Amino acid sequence: MNKTQKLMGLAAALAFAMVMLPASAFADTTQYDLFVNGEQFTSEKLTIECGEGTATYDPATQTLALNNASITNAIDYGGIHSKLTGDLTITLQGSNSITFDDNTGIMAAGNIEITGPGNLAINVAGETRDGLSIAGDVSVRETSLVINAPGGVGIASDGTVSLDNAQVTSAALYAGIDAINLIIENGSVVDISATKDGCNAAFISPRDGATGGNIRISNSNVMAKSVFPGLFAGGNLTISGASAQSTSTADSALWAGGDLTIGGNALVTLDGKYPSGCDGNFTVYAAEIDAKNTNDKIIPALFDSPIIGGDYDLTYAVAVDGEGATIDLIEHDGAEQAKGFLHLYKNIHFVTGEKSATYSFPFTKVVKKGGDIAPKSQEFELEIFNVGVGQIEDYANVTVTATVTTNGAGEYEGFLTIQGPKSQIRDITCEGFCVREKNTGGANWTYSDAVYQIFCHEYEIATDGQSATQSSYDIFPVKLVETDNGTFYEKTQDTPVASMAFENVYTEKAAPAANDKPATDNKPGASTKPAANNKPAAGNIPQTGDSSALAIEFAVLLMAAGALTVAIATKKIRKGHDVR
């Protein structure tokens, strides 16, 4: 075989081998912009070993699942480094960790969400090394995250950090959380701190002229400690239904560049060297605030006295002045005056509660006699329904009383009174409500079917240069009307009435008198019975004067008796035949 033939044979063999290779051998391997533990995910490698655990990536949903992963390596920055343009979801199973002596824990170019029943601990050392360094938003939801970044920031985000029903601890040098906005809600437990002079546990501020800088804490437990204000919001700071403790070792415990609002029965504890407060409006609704100034100098705990919300009152206010004397401000100055003195003391502990509101509406109970007996003593009660918001049963803190006790026929005056927290009373009355009588089923009573609708109004009046809220109401009789849109109560007249009226009739009948009954001794006398000797004698059959007719009658009787005897006998025989 010559050289040319050999080359041709080799070419044919190579062509045959190429044909026999699977199609996948020619396919391109897709590389994903996601790196974990020093490796890149590709279409051929979607699971990366991380110590004794794993990291698995689903490109269809851009979800990274950590399962007992121990991440200690990195290609560039971050044990997890995402260059993905879309959102990245990190789910946690078991105990996971990211540990570096000189690197970042997680770095991402977009938004990330961390969730799942497991937990994640990030321990990163090194100058300016952050636990999370995220260009977008960060969401930590229904999971546990612990960050220790002694040389950098715990969570650094160029967007909003949202902690939703999460357990988060973030201890760092410059800030536990540094972001444009911060939301902590739904039972989260958060402990954040910063140790660098001039820094905050939570530093929340807008960037590059963008809007933001807001902190909102609701129904959660938050502890923040740093050299400067533990909680710092460049915009507004709102705490509602939460327990928040903010501490500064050298400055104000808490500060907001915008408005500071505390309510929802929040408990706020402040501890700092300078007064806490805001540049905007400081408003308190239902809350308990305990503010202390630990400075050696006589400096107040609060920068300015808060405005107590219109529906709320100061119920407790105890202060400690610069000389250590304790003062009950309400007892000393009265609640209204004390509201203006809350910012004058080194320590101030005060509580606010919602004001109580009361509405009373007159009604008349008309009792009539409808039977033979005068009406007995009876208690009647009214009820309200079709309230403005929800159902009346939803208002456990609201008391409705509307009873009157009658005694005999006549008219009786009473009041329907609704009392409770002002906001709840407003919800009940805001769109009108209906009133009717309860039918308690009292014996011999007929109950009123009257229904009324009441509309309440609030308005402001000026008294000695101050405004005060007054109220009024209108009462209308109504009836149930069928419409194309359903059944509704509608007014029966355009003019309101001064009072509601409900009529009841007592209908008991008297029992018959004793002398109206038939006498027991008025039975027919014995002499009225037919005398025995007046009965016809057996042999004395009356004579008709026609003896032949009588004989015929006897013959007919005998024939009838015979026929009856034959019929009975026949019936018995047939019955016996039927049995056989």
Protein backbone atom coordinates (compact mmCIF):
# COMPACT_ATOMS: atom_id res chain seq x y z
CA MET A 1 0.00 0.00 0.00
CA ASN A 2 1.49 3.32 -1.02
CA LYS A 3 1.56 6.50 1.01
CA THR A 4 -1.48 7.98 -0.72
CA GLN A 5 -3.54 4.92 -0.01
CA LYS A 6 -2.51 5.01 3.64
CA LEU A 7 -3.57 8.64 3.99
CA MET A 8 -6.90 7.89 2.37
CA GLY A 9 -7.46 5.02 4.78
CA LEU A 10 -6.67 7.19 7.78
CA ALA A 11 -9.06 9.88 6.56
CA ALA A 12 -11.85 7.33 6.12
CA ALA A 13 -11.26 5.94 9.61
CA LEU A 14 -11.30 9.42 11.09
CA ALA A 15 -14.55 10.26 9.28
CA PHE A 16 -16.13 7.05 10.56
CA ALA A 17 -15.05 7.87 14.14
CA MET A 18 -16.51 11.38 13.85
CA VAL A 19 -19.82 9.95 12.67
CA MET A 20 -19.93 7.56 15.60
CA LEU A 21 -19.40 10.33 18.25
CA PRO A 22 -22.58 11.50 20.09
CA ALA A 23 -24.12 14.82 19.09
CA SER A 24 -23.37 16.23 22.54
CA ALA A 25 -19.67 16.07 21.74
CA PHE A 26 -20.19 18.91 19.29
CA ALA A 27 -22.47 20.99 21.54
CA ASP A 28 -21.10 24.15 23.20
CA THR A 29 -20.83 24.12 27.01
CA THR A 30 -22.75 27.04 28.54
CA GLN A 31 -20.96 28.97 31.25
CA TYR A 32 -23.07 30.80 33.82
CA ASP A 33 -21.98 34.02 35.51
CA LEU A 34 -22.09 32.42 38.94
CA PHE A 35 -19.12 31.22 40.97
CA VAL A 36 -19.17 29.27 44.23
CA ASN A 37 -16.24 27.99 46.29
CA GLY A 38 -13.74 28.84 43.58
CA GLU A 39 -15.62 27.15 40.69
CA GLN A 40 -17.93 28.32 37.92
CA PHE A 41 -21.26 26.74 37.14
CA THR A 42 -21.71 25.48 33.60
CA SER A 43 -24.33 23.48 31.77
CA GLU A 44 -22.07 20.46 32.36
CA LYS A 45 -21.48 21.25 36.02
CA LEU A 46 -24.55 22.36 37.94
CA THR A 47 -23.43 21.00 41.32
CA ILE A 48 -20.25 22.08 43.09
CA GLU A 49 -18.86 20.35 46.14
CA CYS A 50 -18.46 22.62 49.15
CA GLY A 51 -16.71 20.73 51.90
CA GLU A 52 -19.05 17.94 52.92
CA GLY A 53 -22.01 19.75 51.38
CA THR A 54 -23.04 21.00 47.98
CA ALA A 55 -24.12 24.05 46.01
CA THR A 56 -26.55 23.34 43.17
CA TYR A 57 -27.63 25.86 40.57
CA ASP A 58 -30.90 25.88 38.58
CA PRO A 59 -30.38 28.27 35.64
CA ALA A 60 -34.07 28.19 34.70
CA THR A 61 -35.07 29.89 37.97
CA GLN A 62 -31.66 31.38 38.85
CA THR A 63 -31.79 29.59 42.20
CA LEU A 64 -28.70 28.53 44.11
CA ALA A 65 -29.38 25.80 46.69
CA LEU A 66 -26.87 25.42 49.54
CA ASN A 67 -27.08 22.14 51.40
CA ASN A 68 -24.70 21.95 54.39
CA ALA A 69 -22.20 23.80 52.22
CA SER A 70 -18.85 24.94 53.62
CA ILE A 71 -17.41 27.61 51.32
CA THR A 72 -13.76 28.55 51.83
CA ASN A 73 -12.45 29.26 48.30
CA ALA A 74 -12.92 32.06 45.77
CA ILE A 75 -11.79 32.83 42.24
CA ASP A 76 -11.93 36.57 42.66
CA TYR A 77 -14.21 38.31 45.18
CA GLY A 78 -16.74 36.40 47.19
CA GLY A 79 -17.25 32.83 48.22
CA ILE A 80 -20.44 33.30 46.20
CA HIS A 81 -19.91 35.69 43.30
CA SER A 82 -22.87 36.43 41.02
CA LYS A 83 -22.46 38.44 37.85
CA LEU A 84 -26.01 37.55 36.81
CA THR A 85 -28.10 40.44 35.56
CA GLY A 86 -31.32 39.00 37.00
CA ASP A 87 -32.28 38.15 40.56
CA LEU A 88 -30.50 35.37 42.41
CA THR A 89 -32.35 33.31 45.01
CA ILE A 90 -30.23 31.46 47.58
CA THR A 91 -32.06 28.69 49.42
CA LEU A 92 -30.65 27.19 52.60
CA GLN A 93 -30.86 23.60 53.74
CA GLY A 94 -29.01 22.55 56.87
CA SER A 95 -26.06 24.52 58.27
CA ASN A 96 -24.04 26.49 55.73
CA SER A 97 -20.98 28.70 56.11
CA ILE A 98 -18.71 31.07 54.22
CA THR A 99 -15.32 31.65 55.87
CA PHE A 100 -12.40 33.79 54.69
CA ASP A 101 -9.38 35.45 56.20
CA ASP A 102 -9.29 38.13 53.49
CA ASN A 103 -12.27 38.10 51.17
CA THR A 104 -15.96 38.95 50.84
CA GLY A 105 -18.73 36.54 51.73
CA ILE A 106 -21.24 37.15 48.92
CA MET A 107 -20.93 39.59 46.03
CA ALA A 108 -23.72 40.12 43.50
CA ALA A 109 -24.37 42.46 40.57
CA GLY A 110 -28.18 42.25 40.96
CA ASN A 111 -30.81 41.58 43.59
CA ILE A 112 -30.53 38.58 45.91
CA GLU A 113 -32.95 36.78 48.20
CA ILE A 114 -31.83 34.44 50.97
CA THR A 115 -34.48 32.06 52.27
CA GLY A 116 -35.14 28.52 53.41
CA PRO A 117 -35.36 26.42 56.58
CA GLY A 118 -31.60 26.21 57.03
CA ASN A 119 -29.09 28.83 58.14
CA LEU A 120 -26.00 30.63 56.91
CA ALA A 121 -23.02 31.94 58.89
CA ILE A 122 -20.58 34.33 57.19
CA ASN A 123 -17.25 35.07 58.87
CA VAL A 124 -14.96 37.28 56.79
CA ALA A 125 -11.83 39.06 57.98
CA GLY A 126 -9.66 41.54 56.14
CA GLU A 127 -9.75 45.25 55.60
CA THR A 128 -13.02 46.47 53.95
CA ARG A 129 -14.21 42.91 53.49
CA ASP A 130 -18.00 42.81 53.66
CA GLY A 131 -20.29 39.97 54.58
CA LEU A 132 -22.64 40.85 51.70
CA SER A 133 -21.74 43.35 48.99
CA ILE A 134 -24.77 43.68 46.73
CA ALA A 135 -25.40 46.16 43.92
CA GLY A 136 -29.19 45.64 44.13
CA ASP A 137 -31.73 44.82 46.82
CA VAL A 138 -31.26 42.27 49.58
CA SER A 139 -34.14 40.21 50.97
CA VAL A 140 -33.70 37.83 53.89
CA ARG A 141 -36.93 35.94 54.44
CA GLU A 142 -37.93 33.19 56.86
CA THR A 143 -34.40 32.04 57.57
CA SER A 144 -31.39 32.64 59.83
CA LEU A 145 -28.34 34.69 58.84
CA VAL A 146 -25.33 35.50 61.02
CA ILE A 147 -22.58 37.82 59.74
CA ASN A 148 -19.28 38.78 61.33
CA ALA A 149 -17.26 41.30 59.30
CA PRO A 150 -14.78 43.00 61.66
CA GLY A 151 -13.03 44.83 58.81
CA GLY A 152 -15.97 45.96 56.71
CA VAL A 153 -19.77 46.15 56.50
CA GLY A 154 -22.10 43.33 57.46
CA ILE A 155 -24.71 43.90 54.73
CA ALA A 156 -23.83 46.53 52.11
CA SER A 157 -26.56 47.21 49.54
CA ASP A 158 -27.11 49.85 46.89
CA GLY A 159 -30.83 49.18 47.19
CA THR A 160 -33.30 48.21 49.91
CA VAL A 161 -32.59 45.64 52.60
CA SER A 162 -35.76 43.76 53.66
CA LEU A 163 -35.78 41.44 56.65
CA ASP A 164 -39.05 39.49 56.72
CA ASN A 165 -39.67 37.03 59.57
CA ALA A 166 -35.92 36.52 59.70
CA GLN A 167 -33.32 35.98 62.40
CA VAL A 168 -30.40 38.26 61.52
CA THR A 169 -27.22 39.15 63.40
CA SER A 170 -24.77 41.45 61.68
CA ALA A 171 -21.66 42.67 63.53
CA ALA A 172 -19.17 44.76 61.58
CA LEU A 173 -16.66 47.59 61.70
CA TYR A 174 -18.40 50.28 59.65
CA ALA A 175 -22.08 49.24 59.76
CA GLY A 176 -24.19 46.22 60.49
CA ILE A 177 -26.42 47.32 57.59
CA ASP A 178 -25.60 50.03 55.04
CA ALA A 179 -28.35 50.55 52.45
CA ILE A 180 -30.67 53.05 50.78
CA ASN A 181 -33.74 51.78 52.68
CA LEU A 182 -34.27 49.31 55.50
CA ILE A 183 -37.46 47.34 56.21
CA ILE A 184 -37.70 45.03 59.24
CA GLU A 185 -41.08 43.32 59.65
CA ASN A 186 -43.24 40.30 60.51
CA GLY A 187 -41.63 39.04 63.68
CA SER A 188 -38.00 39.46 62.67
CA VAL A 189 -35.34 39.40 65.38
CA VAL A 190 -32.40 41.60 64.40
CA ASP A 191 -29.18 42.40 66.24
CA ILE A 192 -26.86 44.82 64.42
CA SER A 193 -23.73 46.64 65.55
CA ALA A 194 -20.75 48.70 64.38
CA THR A 195 -17.52 49.43 66.29
CA LYS A 196 -15.83 52.14 64.19
CA ASP A 197 -15.86 55.70 65.59
CA GLY A 198 -18.36 57.88 63.75
CA CYS A 199 -20.30 54.90 62.36
CA ASN A 200 -23.79 53.50 62.82
CA ALA A 201 -25.19 50.03 63.36
CA ALA A 202 -27.75 50.89 60.67
CA PHE A 203 -26.67 53.61 58.26
CA ILE A 204 -29.60 54.17 55.88
CA SER A 205 -29.16 57.00 53.40
CA PRO A 206 -29.97 57.82 49.77
CA ARG A 207 -27.18 57.64 47.20
CA ASP A 208 -26.30 60.00 44.38
CA GLY A 209 -29.30 62.23 44.93
CA ALA A 210 -31.80 59.35 44.76
CA THR A 211 -34.74 59.20 47.12
CA GLY A 212 -34.61 56.93 50.13
CA GLY A 213 -32.97 56.89 53.51
CA ASN A 214 -36.04 55.45 55.23
CA ILE A 215 -36.19 52.89 58.05
CA ARG A 216 -39.44 51.07 58.80
CA ILE A 217 -39.62 48.64 61.72
CA SER A 218 -42.90 46.83 62.41
CA ASN A 219 -43.84 43.97 64.71
CA SER A 220 -40.23 42.93 65.24
CA ASN A 221 -37.48 42.97 67.84
CA VAL A 222 -34.48 45.13 66.96
CA MET A 223 -31.26 45.89 68.85
CA ALA A 224 -28.80 48.37 67.38
CA LYS A 225 -25.55 49.50 68.98
CA SER A 226 -22.72 51.67 67.67
CA VAL A 227 -20.53 54.66 68.49
CA PHE A 228 -22.81 57.06 66.60
CA PRO A 229 -26.62 56.61 66.52
CA GLY A 230 -27.51 52.92 66.50
CA LEU A 231 -30.33 53.67 64.07
CA PHE A 232 -29.66 56.46 61.60
CA ALA A 233 -32.13 57.32 58.82
CA GLY A 234 -31.32 60.06 56.36
CA GLY A 235 -35.06 60.15 55.60
CA ASN A 236 -37.97 59.04 57.78
CA LEU A 237 -37.80 56.56 60.64
CA THR A 238 -40.98 54.69 61.64
CA ILE A 239 -41.35 52.20 64.49
CA SER A 240 -44.71 50.46 64.90
CA GLY A 241 -45.71 47.50 67.05
CA ALA A 242 -42.06 46.69 67.69
CA SER A 243 -39.50 46.43 70.42
CA ALA A 244 -36.56 48.60 69.44
CA GLN A 245 -33.44 49.28 71.48
CA SER A 246 -30.99 51.77 70.04
CA THR A 247 -27.71 52.68 71.73
CA SER A 248 -24.89 55.10 71.02
CA THR A 249 -21.70 55.18 73.08
CA ALA A 250 -20.77 58.71 71.99
CA ASP A 251 -23.72 60.41 70.30
CA SER A 252 -27.51 60.35 69.96
CA ALA A 253 -29.05 56.93 70.45
CA LEU A 254 -31.30 57.41 67.40
CA TRP A 255 -31.66 60.04 64.70
CA ALA A 256 -33.76 60.72 61.60
CA GLY A 257 -33.08 63.35 58.97
CA GLY A 258 -36.81 63.44 58.21
CA ASP A 259 -39.77 62.55 60.42
CA LEU A 260 -39.65 60.25 63.44
CA THR A 261 -42.91 58.34 64.10
CA ILE A 262 -43.49 55.82 66.89
CA GLY A 263 -46.78 53.98 67.45
CA GLY A 264 -48.60 50.68 67.37
CA ASN A 265 -47.85 50.09 71.07
CA ALA A 266 -44.14 49.98 70.32
CA LEU A 267 -41.60 49.77 73.13
CA VAL A 268 -38.56 51.94 72.36
CA THR A 269 -35.50 52.12 74.60
CA LEU A 270 -32.92 54.82 73.86
CA ASP A 271 -29.49 55.15 75.45
CA GLY A 272 -27.04 57.80 74.26
CA LYS A 273 -24.72 60.67 75.14
CA TYR A 274 -26.72 63.30 73.23
CA PRO A 275 -30.44 63.86 72.62
CA SER A 276 -32.31 61.55 70.25
CA GLY A 277 -34.74 62.99 67.74
CA CYS A 278 -35.13 64.16 64.17
CA ASP A 279 -34.96 67.13 61.83
CA GLY A 280 -38.64 66.76 60.92
CA ASN A 281 -41.73 66.04 62.99
CA PHE A 282 -41.49 63.78 66.04
CA THR A 283 -44.91 62.14 66.52
CA VAL A 284 -45.92 59.51 69.05
CA TYR A 285 -49.16 57.55 68.98
CA ALA A 286 -49.62 54.48 71.22
CA ALA A 287 -46.16 53.70 72.57
CA GLU A 288 -43.84 53.37 75.53
CA ILE A 289 -40.55 55.27 75.32
CA ASP A 290 -37.73 55.05 77.84
CA ALA A 291 -34.93 57.49 76.89
CA LYS A 292 -31.74 57.92 78.92
CA ASN A 293 -28.79 60.27 78.53
CA THR A 294 -25.59 58.78 79.92
CA ASN A 295 -23.50 61.90 79.41
CA ASP A 296 -21.78 63.28 82.51
CA LYS A 297 -23.14 66.69 81.57
CA ILE A 298 -26.74 67.72 82.16
CA ILE A 299 -28.09 67.08 78.67
CA PRO A 300 -31.68 65.97 77.92
CA ALA A 301 -32.46 62.56 76.46
CA LEU A 302 -34.76 63.91 73.74
CA PHE A 303 -33.98 66.68 71.28
CA ASP A 304 -37.55 68.00 71.20
CA SER A 305 -40.83 67.16 72.86
CA PRO A 306 -42.88 64.81 70.67
CA ILE A 307 -46.33 65.61 69.38
CA ILE A 308 -48.82 63.21 70.90
CA GLY A 309 -51.22 62.05 68.17
CA GLY A 310 -54.73 63.54 68.27
CA ASP A 311 -56.47 60.36 69.37
CA TYR A 312 -53.93 59.63 72.12
CA ASP A 313 -53.18 60.80 75.64
CA LEU A 314 -50.15 60.82 77.88
CA THR A 315 -50.95 58.21 80.54
CA TYR A 316 -47.59 57.94 82.32
CA ALA A 317 -44.59 60.28 82.46
CA VAL A 318 -41.79 59.97 85.00
CA ALA A 319 -38.60 61.99 84.60
CA VAL A 320 -35.20 62.16 86.26
CA ASP A 321 -33.61 65.60 86.27
CA GLY A 322 -29.92 66.53 86.21
CA GLU A 323 -29.70 66.27 89.99
CA GLY A 324 -31.13 62.76 90.06
CA ALA A 325 -34.56 63.73 91.37
CA THR A 326 -37.53 61.69 90.14
CA ILE A 327 -40.62 63.62 89.05
CA ASP A 328 -44.07 62.35 88.16
CA LEU A 329 -44.89 64.89 85.46
CA ILE A 330 -48.60 64.08 85.23
CA GLU A 331 -49.06 64.36 88.96
CA HIS A 332 -46.92 67.50 89.11
CA ASP A 333 -48.12 69.35 86.01
CA GLY A 334 -51.13 67.48 84.61
CA ALA A 335 -51.18 65.40 81.46
CA GLU A 336 -51.68 68.28 79.02
CA GLN A 337 -48.88 70.40 80.45
CA ALA A 338 -46.56 67.40 80.78
CA LYS A 339 -46.74 66.81 77.02
CA GLY A 340 -44.60 69.90 76.52
CA PHE A 341 -41.96 68.98 79.12
CA LEU A 342 -40.85 65.56 77.87
CA HIS A 343 -37.68 66.93 76.24
CA LEU A 344 -36.37 68.76 79.31
CA TYR A 345 -35.02 65.85 81.34
CA LYS A 346 -31.93 63.71 81.39
CA ASN A 347 -34.04 60.58 81.66
CA ILE A 348 -37.66 60.39 80.57
CA HIS A 349 -39.97 57.39 80.59
CA PHE A 350 -43.45 57.95 79.22
CA VAL A 351 -46.42 55.97 77.94
CA THR A 352 -49.19 57.05 75.60
CA GLY A 353 -52.53 55.34 75.07
CA GLU A 354 -55.44 55.83 72.76
CA LYS A 355 -58.18 58.16 73.94
CA SER A 356 -61.57 56.74 74.75
CA ALA A 357 -64.62 58.00 72.89
CA THR A 358 -68.26 57.80 73.96
CA TYR A 359 -71.46 58.27 71.97
CA SER A 360 -74.91 58.22 73.63
CA PHE A 361 -78.20 58.14 71.73
CA PRO A 362 -81.66 58.50 73.37
CA PHE A 363 -84.47 56.03 72.92
CA THR A 364 -88.00 55.60 74.27
CA LYS A 365 -89.49 52.29 75.32
CA VAL A 366 -93.31 52.24 75.03
CA VAL A 367 -95.08 49.47 76.94
CA LYS A 368 -98.74 48.71 76.29
CA LYS A 369 -101.25 46.37 77.89
CA GLY A 370 -102.67 43.97 75.33
CA GLY A 371 -104.25 41.37 77.59
CA ASP A 372 -106.22 41.17 80.80
CA ILE A 373 -103.21 41.47 83.11
CA ALA A 374 -101.01 44.54 83.58
CA PRO A 375 -97.48 44.26 82.09
CA LYS A 376 -94.94 42.78 84.46
CA SER A 377 -91.43 44.13 85.13
CA GLN A 378 -89.21 43.40 82.14
CA GLU A 379 -85.71 44.33 80.92
CA PHE A 380 -85.38 45.26 77.25
CA GLU A 381 -82.12 45.63 75.30
CA LEU A 382 -81.09 47.15 71.98
CA GLU A 383 -78.33 45.99 69.63
CA ILE A 384 -76.36 47.59 66.81
CA PHE A 385 -75.50 46.05 63.43
CA ASN A 386 -74.45 47.02 59.89
CA VAL A 387 -71.56 49.05 61.32
CA GLY A 388 -69.17 51.12 59.20
CA VAL A 389 -66.15 48.77 59.10
CA GLY A 390 -66.39 45.02 59.64
CA GLN A 391 -68.81 43.49 62.12
CA ILE A 392 -69.61 44.68 65.64
CA GLU A 393 -68.31 41.34 66.92
CA ASP A 394 -64.84 42.38 65.69
CA TYR A 395 -64.58 45.12 68.33
CA ALA A 396 -63.71 43.35 71.56
CA ASN A 397 -62.55 46.61 73.18
CA VAL A 398 -65.81 48.44 72.48
CA THR A 399 -68.68 48.32 74.97
CA VAL A 400 -72.29 48.75 73.84
CA THR A 401 -74.96 49.24 76.53
CA ALA A 402 -78.64 49.87 75.82
CA THR A 403 -80.99 48.43 78.42
CA VAL A 404 -84.08 49.72 80.19
CA THR A 405 -86.26 48.02 82.82
CA THR A 406 -90.00 48.64 82.65
CA ASN A 407 -92.70 48.03 85.25
CA GLY A 408 -96.20 48.35 83.87
CA ALA A 409 -97.66 50.22 80.91
CA GLY A 410 -96.13 53.57 80.04
CA GLU A 411 -93.11 55.25 78.43
CA TYR A 412 -89.55 54.72 79.63
CA GLU A 413 -86.48 56.70 78.56
CA GLY A 414 -83.05 55.14 77.99
CA PHE A 415 -79.73 55.66 76.23
CA LEU A 416 -77.78 53.57 73.76
CA THR A 417 -74.09 54.13 74.68
CA ILE A 418 -71.06 53.08 72.64
CA GLN A 419 -67.70 53.46 74.36
CA GLY A 420 -64.17 52.37 73.46
CA PRO A 421 -60.91 53.37 71.75
CA LYS A 422 -61.51 56.43 69.64
CA SER A 423 -60.23 54.94 66.38
CA GLN A 424 -62.48 51.91 66.78
CA ILE A 425 -65.51 54.03 67.60
CA ARG A 426 -64.76 56.04 64.46
CA ASP A 427 -64.63 52.85 62.39
CA ILE A 428 -67.97 51.69 63.77
CA THR A 429 -69.76 54.98 63.15
CA CYS A 430 -67.98 56.28 60.02
CA GLU A 431 -70.63 55.13 57.53
CA GLY A 432 -73.62 54.97 59.85
CA PHE A 433 -74.94 51.95 61.74
CA CYS A 434 -78.31 50.38 62.48
CA VAL A 435 -80.15 49.81 65.77
CA ARG A 436 -82.90 47.36 66.62
CA GLU A 437 -84.40 45.71 69.65
CA LYS A 438 -83.20 42.29 70.80
CA ASN A 439 -85.95 39.70 70.92
CA THR A 440 -85.14 37.81 74.11
CA GLY A 441 -88.31 35.73 73.99
CA GLY A 442 -90.00 37.02 77.13
CA ALA A 443 -93.31 35.25 77.80
CA ASN A 444 -96.44 37.11 76.64
CA TRP A 445 -94.42 39.97 75.07
CA THR A 446 -94.50 41.16 71.49
CA TYR A 447 -91.26 42.84 70.39
CA SER A 448 -90.78 45.91 68.24
CA ASP A 449 -89.68 45.49 64.62
CA ALA A 450 -88.58 49.15 64.33
CA VAL A 451 -85.09 49.78 62.91
CA TYR A 452 -83.13 53.05 62.97
CA GLN A 453 -79.94 54.19 61.29
CA ILE A 454 -77.61 56.65 63.02
CA PHE A 455 -75.04 58.88 61.31
CA CYS A 456 -72.31 60.52 63.43
CA HIS A 457 -70.34 63.65 62.56
CA GLU A 458 -67.14 65.16 63.96
CA TYR A 459 -66.19 68.80 63.58
CA GLU A 460 -63.60 71.20 65.00
CA ILE A 461 -64.43 74.23 67.12
CA ALA A 462 -62.10 76.94 68.37
CA THR A 463 -61.95 77.60 72.10
CA ASP A 464 -59.53 80.18 73.51
CA GLY A 465 -57.35 79.95 70.45
CA GLN A 466 -57.27 76.13 70.51
CA SER A 467 -59.28 73.69 68.47
CA ALA A 468 -61.35 70.90 69.96
CA THR A 469 -63.27 68.07 68.36
CA GLN A 470 -67.03 67.99 68.84
CA SER A 471 -69.55 65.49 67.58
CA SER A 472 -73.18 65.34 66.53
CA TYR A 473 -75.52 62.73 65.07
CA ASP A 474 -78.71 62.21 63.06
CA ILE A 475 -81.25 59.40 63.66
CA PHE A 476 -83.50 58.13 60.85
CA PRO A 477 -86.15 55.40 60.84
CA VAL A 478 -85.36 52.85 58.11
CA LYS A 479 -86.89 49.79 56.48
CA LEU A 480 -85.48 46.86 54.55
CA VAL A 481 -85.82 47.33 50.79
CA GLU A 482 -85.13 44.87 47.97
CA THR A 483 -83.12 46.41 45.09
CA ASP A 484 -81.39 45.11 41.99
CA ASN A 485 -78.11 45.33 43.89
CA GLY A 486 -79.30 43.49 46.99
CA THR A 487 -81.26 44.14 50.17
CA PHE A 488 -80.56 47.39 52.02
CA TYR A 489 -81.96 49.54 54.78
CA GLU A 490 -83.27 52.83 53.43
CA LYS A 491 -84.66 55.90 55.17
CA THR A 492 -88.40 56.12 55.44
CA GLN A 493 -88.20 59.91 55.77
CA ASP A 494 -85.72 62.68 55.05
CA THR A 495 -86.08 64.41 58.40
CA PRO A 496 -84.17 62.96 61.36
CA VAL A 497 -86.01 62.12 64.57
CA ALA A 498 -84.98 63.25 68.03
CA SER A 499 -85.13 59.80 69.59
CA MET A 500 -85.66 56.16 68.72
CA ALA A 501 -88.94 54.55 69.84
CA PHE A 502 -89.63 50.86 70.39
CA GLU A 503 -93.11 49.56 71.33
CA ASN A 504 -93.85 46.37 73.25
CA VAL A 505 -97.23 44.87 74.11
CA TYR A 506 -97.92 42.54 77.02
CA THR A 507 -100.65 40.05 76.02
CA GLU A 508 -101.25 37.73 78.99
CA LYS A 509 -104.91 36.69 79.40
CA ALA A 510 -106.60 36.18 82.80
CA ALA A 511 -107.73 32.66 83.73
CA PRO A 512 -111.58 32.11 83.95
CA ALA A 513 -113.12 32.94 87.38
CA ALA A 514 -114.13 30.04 89.62
CA ASN A 515 -117.94 30.86 89.48
CA ASP A 516 -117.80 30.75 85.68
CA LYS A 517 -117.25 26.97 85.71
CA PRO A 518 -120.23 24.56 85.51
CA ALA A 519 -121.39 23.43 89.03
CA THR A 520 -120.37 19.89 89.82
CA ASP A 521 -123.76 19.15 91.51
CA ASN A 522 -125.88 20.11 88.49
CA LYS A 523 -126.04 16.61 87.12
CA PRO A 524 -129.53 15.38 85.96
CA GLY A 525 -131.64 14.10 88.91
CA ALA A 526 -132.43 10.41 89.33
CA SER A 527 -136.12 11.14 88.84
CA THR A 528 -135.40 12.30 85.25
CA LYS A 529 -134.38 8.82 84.16
CA PRO A 530 -137.21 6.73 82.60
CA ALA A 531 -138.97 4.72 85.31
CA ALA A 532 -138.42 1.02 85.15
CA ASN A 533 -142.15 0.36 85.17
CA ASN A 534 -142.51 2.64 82.14
CA LYS A 535 -140.66 0.19 79.89
CA PRO A 536 -142.94 -1.86 77.58
CA ALA A 537 -143.77 -5.30 79.03
CA ALA A 538 -142.26 -8.26 77.21
CA GLY A 539 -145.67 -9.62 76.20
CA ASN A 540 -147.24 -6.34 75.51
CA ILE A 541 -146.00 -5.56 72.00
CA PRO A 542 -147.95 -2.61 70.73
CA GLN A 543 -150.77 -3.58 68.44
CA THR A 544 -151.13 -1.89 65.07
CA GLY A 545 -154.56 -3.26 64.43
CA ASP A 546 -153.21 -5.44 61.53
CA SER A 547 -152.21 -8.92 62.75
CA SER A 548 -151.41 -10.18 59.24
CA ALA A 549 -148.86 -7.35 58.74
CA LEU A 550 -147.20 -8.27 61.96
CA ALA A 551 -146.90 -11.90 60.87
CA ILE A 552 -145.30 -10.79 57.59
CA GLU A 553 -142.78 -8.66 59.50
CA PHE A 554 -141.75 -11.65 61.61
CA ALA A 555 -141.35 -13.80 58.49
CA VAL A 556 -139.11 -11.16 56.87
CA LEU A 557 -136.98 -10.95 60.01
CA LEU A 558 -136.56 -14.72 60.09
CA MET A 559 -135.56 -14.80 56.41
CA ALA A 560 -132.99 -12.03 56.94
CA ALA A 561 -131.53 -13.86 59.92
CA GLY A 562 -131.23 -17.01 57.87
CA ALA A 563 -129.50 -15.21 55.04
CA LEU A 564 -127.01 -13.62 57.46
CA THR A 565 -126.26 -17.04 59.00
CA VAL A 566 -125.60 -18.52 55.53
CA ALA A 567 -123.33 -15.55 54.60
CA ILE A 568 -121.26 -15.92 57.75
CA ALA A 569 -120.94 -19.65 57.25
CA THR A 570 -119.90 -19.12 53.64
CA LYS A 571 -117.31 -16.51 54.68
CA LYS A 572 -115.82 -18.88 57.21
CA ILE A 573 -115.61 -21.67 54.65
CA ARG A 574 -113.91 -19.35 52.10
CA LYS A 575 -111.50 -18.17 54.70
CA GLY A 576 -110.72 -21.79 55.50
CA HIS A 577 -110.30 -22.53 51.80
CA ASP A 578 -108.00 -19.53 51.43
CA VAL A 579 -105.84 -20.86 54.25
CA ARG A 580 -105.44 -24.19 52.51
